[in-house]
Amino acid sequence: MANEFDQAYGFIIKSCYYLGSMCSVKGEIEVWEKKEKDRLFLVDKYSERFLSRAKQDDPEWYENSRDMLNSLIENNCSMPPILCSY
């Protein structure tokens, strides 16, 4: 039987658009977006954790984070360590 993380990850894969991945001090972070709901998902499969945030919760954070994440992915950069302390 799949655990809770596997079920949530399966939902993300089926319903979201994969933006890319980047290295972090804790491994690799996958970035997914559900456009019709304006929601970002950051997934760390190694530690089986994910972060989700909707645009309606904080529109400025959403736009700034989306731009930063796209830039990190496009430039093949690592996520800054300060952002990995979740």
N, C-alpha and C. Protein backbone atom coordinates (compact mmCIF):
# COMPACT_ATOMS: atom_id res chain seq x y z
N MET A 1 0.84 -1.19 0.00
CA MET A 1 0.00 0.00 0.00
C MET A 1 0.88 1.25 0.00
N ALA A 2 0.54 2.19 -0.81
CA ALA A 2 1.33 3.43 -0.93
C ALA A 2 1.17 4.28 0.32
N ASN A 3 2.27 4.92 0.69
CA ASN A 3 2.19 5.81 1.85
C ASN A 3 1.60 7.16 1.43
N GLU A 4 1.40 8.02 2.40
CA GLU A 4 0.76 9.32 2.16
C GLU A 4 1.55 10.17 1.16
N PHE A 5 2.89 10.16 1.29
CA PHE A 5 3.72 10.94 0.37
C PHE A 5 3.54 10.43 -1.07
N ASP A 6 3.59 9.11 -1.25
CA ASP A 6 3.45 8.54 -2.59
C ASP A 6 2.11 8.90 -3.23
N GLN A 7 1.05 8.90 -2.44
CA GLN A 7 -0.26 9.27 -2.95
C GLN A 7 -0.29 10.74 -3.37
N ALA A 8 0.27 11.61 -2.53
CA ALA A 8 0.30 13.04 -2.85
C ALA A 8 1.17 13.29 -4.08
N TYR A 9 2.32 12.61 -4.16
CA TYR A 9 3.22 12.78 -5.30
C TYR A 9 2.54 12.30 -6.59
N GLY A 10 1.81 11.21 -6.51
CA GLY A 10 1.07 10.72 -7.66
C GLY A 10 0.05 11.73 -8.15
N PHE A 11 -0.63 12.39 -7.22
CA PHE A 11 -1.59 13.43 -7.58
C PHE A 11 -0.88 14.59 -8.28
N ILE A 12 0.27 15.00 -7.76
CA ILE A 12 1.02 16.11 -8.35
C ILE A 12 1.43 15.76 -9.79
N ILE A 13 1.96 14.56 -9.98
CA ILE A 13 2.39 14.14 -11.31
C ILE A 13 1.23 14.14 -12.31
N LYS A 14 0.07 13.69 -11.88
CA LYS A 14 -1.08 13.58 -12.79
C LYS A 14 -1.73 14.92 -13.09
N SER A 15 -1.64 15.87 -12.17
CA SER A 15 -2.43 17.10 -12.34
C SER A 15 -1.61 18.37 -12.53
N CYS A 16 -0.29 18.26 -12.52
CA CYS A 16 0.54 19.46 -12.58
C CYS A 16 1.52 19.41 -13.75
N TYR A 17 2.07 20.56 -14.05
CA TYR A 17 3.06 20.74 -15.10
C TYR A 17 4.45 20.78 -14.45
N TYR A 18 5.35 19.94 -14.93
CA TYR A 18 6.72 19.87 -14.39
C TYR A 18 7.54 21.03 -14.92
N LEU A 19 8.03 21.89 -14.02
CA LEU A 19 8.85 23.03 -14.43
C LEU A 19 10.33 22.67 -14.51
N GLY A 20 10.77 21.71 -13.70
CA GLY A 20 12.16 21.30 -13.69
C GLY A 20 12.61 20.93 -12.30
N SER A 21 13.92 20.72 -12.17
CA SER A 21 14.47 20.38 -10.86
C SER A 21 15.77 21.13 -10.66
N MET A 22 16.18 21.20 -9.41
CA MET A 22 17.43 21.87 -9.06
C MET A 22 18.04 21.17 -7.87
N CYS A 23 19.33 21.32 -7.73
CA CYS A 23 20.03 20.75 -6.59
C CYS A 23 19.83 21.63 -5.37
N SER A 24 19.87 21.00 -4.22
CA SER A 24 19.85 21.74 -2.96
C SER A 24 20.84 21.05 -2.03
N VAL A 25 21.08 21.64 -0.88
CA VAL A 25 22.00 21.02 0.06
C VAL A 25 21.45 19.70 0.60
N LYS A 26 20.16 19.49 0.45
CA LYS A 26 19.54 18.27 0.95
C LYS A 26 19.22 17.28 -0.17
N GLY A 27 19.61 17.55 -1.38
CA GLY A 27 19.31 16.66 -2.49
C GLY A 27 18.78 17.42 -3.68
N GLU A 28 17.81 16.83 -4.35
CA GLU A 28 17.22 17.46 -5.53
C GLU A 28 15.77 17.85 -5.23
N ILE A 29 15.41 19.04 -5.66
CA ILE A 29 14.06 19.57 -5.48
C ILE A 29 13.38 19.63 -6.84
N GLU A 30 12.21 19.03 -6.95
CA GLU A 30 11.40 19.13 -8.17
C GLU A 30 10.41 20.27 -8.00
N VAL A 31 10.17 21.00 -9.09
CA VAL A 31 9.23 22.12 -9.07
C VAL A 31 8.10 21.81 -10.04
N TRP A 32 6.87 21.87 -9.54
CA TRP A 32 5.66 21.59 -10.31
C TRP A 32 4.71 22.76 -10.16
N GLU A 33 3.88 22.97 -11.17
CA GLU A 33 2.89 24.05 -11.11
C GLU A 33 1.54 23.54 -11.59
N LYS A 34 0.53 23.90 -10.86
CA LYS A 34 -0.85 23.61 -11.27
C LYS A 34 -1.44 24.94 -11.71
N LYS A 35 -1.39 25.20 -13.02
CA LYS A 35 -1.72 26.52 -13.55
C LYS A 35 -3.16 26.94 -13.32
N GLU A 36 -4.10 26.02 -13.51
CA GLU A 36 -5.50 26.43 -13.36
C GLU A 36 -5.84 26.81 -11.92
N LYS A 37 -5.03 26.37 -10.98
CA LYS A 37 -5.24 26.73 -9.56
C LYS A 37 -4.18 27.71 -9.07
N ASP A 38 -3.25 28.12 -9.95
CA ASP A 38 -2.14 29.00 -9.56
C ASP A 38 -1.49 28.51 -8.27
N ARG A 39 -0.94 27.31 -8.32
CA ARG A 39 -0.32 26.71 -7.14
C ARG A 39 1.04 26.14 -7.54
N LEU A 40 2.05 26.37 -6.71
CA LEU A 40 3.38 25.81 -6.88
C LEU A 40 3.60 24.68 -5.89
N PHE A 41 4.31 23.65 -6.33
CA PHE A 41 4.69 22.54 -5.46
C PHE A 41 6.21 22.37 -5.55
N LEU A 42 6.87 22.32 -4.42
CA LEU A 42 8.29 21.97 -4.35
C LEU A 42 8.34 20.59 -3.70
N VAL A 43 8.98 19.64 -4.37
CA VAL A 43 8.97 18.25 -3.90
C VAL A 43 10.40 17.78 -3.66
N ASP A 44 10.64 17.26 -2.46
CA ASP A 44 11.91 16.63 -2.11
C ASP A 44 11.60 15.15 -1.91
N LYS A 45 11.86 14.33 -2.94
CA LYS A 45 11.53 12.91 -2.86
C LYS A 45 12.41 12.17 -1.86
N TYR A 46 13.64 12.63 -1.68
CA TYR A 46 14.56 11.95 -0.76
C TYR A 46 14.03 11.96 0.67
N SER A 47 13.60 13.13 1.13
CA SER A 47 13.08 13.23 2.50
C SER A 47 11.56 13.09 2.56
N GLU A 48 10.94 12.85 1.40
CA GLU A 48 9.49 12.69 1.29
C GLU A 48 8.73 13.87 1.90
N ARG A 49 9.10 15.06 1.43
CA ARG A 49 8.44 16.29 1.86
C ARG A 49 8.06 17.11 0.64
N PHE A 50 7.01 17.89 0.81
CA PHE A 50 6.69 18.84 -0.24
C PHE A 50 6.08 20.09 0.37
N LEU A 51 6.25 21.18 -0.37
CA LEU A 51 5.72 22.48 0.02
C LEU A 51 4.78 22.91 -1.09
N SER A 52 3.64 23.42 -0.71
CA SER A 52 2.65 23.89 -1.68
C SER A 52 2.18 25.27 -1.26
N ARG A 53 2.05 26.15 -2.24
CA ARG A 53 1.57 27.50 -1.94
C ARG A 53 0.74 27.99 -3.11
N ALA A 54 -0.41 28.57 -2.81
CA ALA A 54 -1.31 29.09 -3.84
C ALA A 54 -1.11 30.59 -4.01
N LYS A 55 -1.35 31.06 -5.21
CA LYS A 55 -1.22 32.48 -5.50
C LYS A 55 -2.17 33.31 -4.65
N GLN A 56 -3.37 32.79 -4.41
CA GLN A 56 -4.35 33.55 -3.62
C GLN A 56 -3.89 33.76 -2.18
N ASP A 57 -3.02 32.88 -1.66
CA ASP A 57 -2.50 33.04 -0.30
C ASP A 57 -1.60 34.25 -0.17
N ASP A 58 -0.78 34.47 -1.18
CA ASP A 58 0.17 35.58 -1.16
C ASP A 58 0.63 35.84 -2.60
N PRO A 59 -0.10 36.67 -3.36
CA PRO A 59 0.20 36.88 -4.79
C PRO A 59 1.63 37.35 -5.06
N GLU A 60 2.15 38.24 -4.23
CA GLU A 60 3.51 38.74 -4.46
C GLU A 60 4.54 37.63 -4.26
N TRP A 61 4.38 36.84 -3.20
CA TRP A 61 5.29 35.71 -2.95
C TRP A 61 5.25 34.75 -4.12
N TYR A 62 4.05 34.44 -4.60
CA TYR A 62 3.88 33.49 -5.69
C TYR A 62 4.63 33.93 -6.94
N GLU A 63 4.42 35.17 -7.36
CA GLU A 63 5.07 35.66 -8.57
C GLU A 63 6.59 35.73 -8.41
N ASN A 64 7.05 36.25 -7.28
CA ASN A 64 8.50 36.34 -7.04
C ASN A 64 9.14 34.96 -6.98
N SER A 65 8.49 34.03 -6.28
CA SER A 65 9.04 32.68 -6.15
C SER A 65 9.04 31.95 -7.49
N ARG A 66 7.99 32.11 -8.25
CA ARG A 66 7.91 31.45 -9.56
C ARG A 66 9.04 31.96 -10.47
N ASP A 67 9.24 33.27 -10.48
CA ASP A 67 10.32 33.85 -11.29
C ASP A 67 11.69 33.35 -10.82
N MET A 68 11.91 33.32 -9.50
CA MET A 68 13.19 32.87 -8.96
C MET A 68 13.42 31.40 -9.29
N LEU A 69 12.42 30.56 -9.09
CA LEU A 69 12.56 29.13 -9.36
C LEU A 69 12.82 28.88 -10.84
N ASN A 70 12.12 29.56 -11.72
CA ASN A 70 12.37 29.41 -13.16
C ASN A 70 13.79 29.81 -13.52
N SER A 71 14.27 30.89 -12.92
CA SER A 71 15.64 31.35 -13.18
C SER A 71 16.66 30.32 -12.69
N LEU A 72 16.45 29.78 -11.50
CA LEU A 72 17.37 28.76 -10.97
C LEU A 72 17.39 27.52 -11.86
N ILE A 73 16.23 27.10 -12.31
CA ILE A 73 16.14 25.91 -13.16
C ILE A 73 16.80 26.18 -14.51
N GLU A 74 16.49 27.31 -15.14
CA GLU A 74 17.05 27.63 -16.46
C GLU A 74 18.56 27.77 -16.42
N ASN A 75 19.09 28.30 -15.33
CA ASN A 75 20.53 28.51 -15.21
C ASN A 75 21.25 27.36 -14.53
N ASN A 76 20.52 26.26 -14.30
CA ASN A 76 21.08 25.07 -13.68
C ASN A 76 21.80 25.39 -12.38
N CYS A 77 21.17 26.21 -11.57
CA CYS A 77 21.75 26.63 -10.30
C CYS A 77 21.16 25.82 -9.15
N SER A 78 21.85 25.87 -8.04
CA SER A 78 21.36 25.23 -6.83
C SER A 78 20.48 26.18 -6.06
N MET A 79 19.57 25.63 -5.30
CA MET A 79 18.73 26.44 -4.43
C MET A 79 19.61 26.97 -3.30
N PRO A 80 19.51 28.26 -2.99
CA PRO A 80 20.31 28.82 -1.90
C PRO A 80 20.07 28.08 -0.59
N PRO A 81 21.13 27.76 0.17
CA PRO A 81 20.98 27.00 1.41
C PRO A 81 19.97 27.59 2.39
N ILE A 82 19.85 28.90 2.44
CA ILE A 82 18.91 29.53 3.38
C ILE A 82 17.48 29.10 3.09
N LEU A 83 17.17 28.75 1.84
CA LEU A 83 15.82 28.34 1.47
C LEU A 83 15.57 26.86 1.72
N CYS A 84 16.60 26.14 2.13
CA CYS A 84 16.47 24.69 2.31
C CYS A 84 16.26 24.28 3.76
N SER A 85 15.98 25.20 4.61
CA SER A 85 15.87 24.89 6.04
C SER A 85 14.43 24.63 6.45
N TYR A 86 13.72 23.87 5.65
CA TYR A 86 12.33 23.57 5.97
C TYR A 86 12.21 22.39 6.88
